[in-house]
Amino acid sequence: MEFKIKSSSRFTRADLKRVREARGWTRKELAEALGVSYASVVHWENGIQRIPAERDAALGALLGGKT
């Protein structure tokens, strides 16, 4: 299934959660795949922290979004 990311270069928190859930991944699985903490993924999805640019590119590669 292909997902369109609203921003041309950044995942939004809603995009991240929507794509992660559609893939059937837990926050823990995504954190492990990215090499970050579970808390980082929670903070990104809840808008507590912005997704760093280097992680945004990794998310795009991992989840199939635009980078």
Protein backbone atom coordinates (compact mmCIF):
# COMPACT_ATOMS: atom_id res chain seq x y z
CA MET A 1 0.00 0.00 0.00
CA GLU A 2 1.40 3.42 -0.94
CA PHE A 3 1.00 6.43 1.32
CA LYS A 4 1.25 10.04 0.33
CA ILE A 5 3.08 12.21 2.81
CA LYS A 6 1.60 15.71 3.00
CA SER A 7 4.93 17.48 3.32
CA SER A 8 7.45 17.19 0.52
CA SER A 9 10.31 16.47 2.89
CA ARG A 10 9.08 15.97 6.46
CA PHE A 11 6.99 13.38 8.19
CA THR A 12 4.32 14.93 10.38
CA ARG A 13 3.37 13.24 13.63
CA ALA A 14 0.07 12.15 12.09
CA ASP A 15 1.88 10.71 9.05
CA LEU A 16 4.26 8.79 11.27
CA LYS A 17 1.53 7.21 13.36
CA ARG A 18 -0.72 6.46 10.37
CA VAL A 19 2.01 4.79 8.33
CA ARG A 20 3.45 2.91 11.32
CA GLU A 21 0.04 1.51 12.26
CA ALA A 22 -0.80 0.63 8.65
CA ARG A 23 2.43 -1.40 8.52
CA GLY A 24 1.39 -3.18 11.72
CA TRP A 25 4.47 -1.98 13.59
CA THR A 26 4.59 -1.13 17.25
CA ARG A 27 6.36 1.97 18.47
CA LYS A 28 9.02 -0.30 19.94
CA GLU A 29 9.60 -2.04 16.59
CA LEU A 30 9.94 1.29 14.79
CA ALA A 31 12.32 2.60 17.45
CA GLU A 32 14.52 -0.48 17.11
CA ALA A 33 14.54 -0.24 13.31
CA LEU A 34 15.64 3.41 13.54
CA GLY A 35 18.10 2.90 16.36
CA VAL A 36 16.31 5.33 18.68
CA SER A 37 14.52 4.96 21.99
CA TYR A 38 10.88 4.04 22.36
CA ALA A 39 10.42 7.40 24.11
CA SER A 40 11.67 9.23 21.00
CA VAL A 41 8.98 7.64 18.85
CA VAL A 42 6.32 8.43 21.48
CA HIS A 43 7.51 12.04 21.65
CA TRP A 44 7.48 12.41 17.86
CA GLU A 45 3.99 10.96 17.53
CA ASN A 46 2.64 13.11 20.36
CA GLY A 47 4.25 16.30 19.09
CA ILE A 48 6.49 16.71 22.15
CA GLN A 49 9.61 16.73 19.98
CA ARG A 50 10.14 17.38 16.29
CA ILE A 51 11.52 14.56 14.20
CA PRO A 52 15.21 15.34 13.52
CA ALA A 53 16.09 15.78 9.85
CA GLU A 54 18.43 12.77 9.84
CA ARG A 55 15.68 10.58 11.29
CA ASP A 56 13.16 12.00 8.84
CA ALA A 57 15.29 10.71 5.96
CA ALA A 58 15.61 7.31 7.65
CA LEU A 59 11.84 7.20 8.18
CA GLY A 60 11.28 7.92 4.50
CA ALA A 61 13.58 5.09 3.50
CA LEU A 62 12.14 2.69 6.05
CA LEU A 63 8.44 3.47 5.65
CA GLY A 64 8.43 4.42 1.99
CA GLY A 65 7.62 8.10 2.36
CA LYS A 66 9.29 11.03 0.68
CA THR A 67 12.64 12.17 1.98
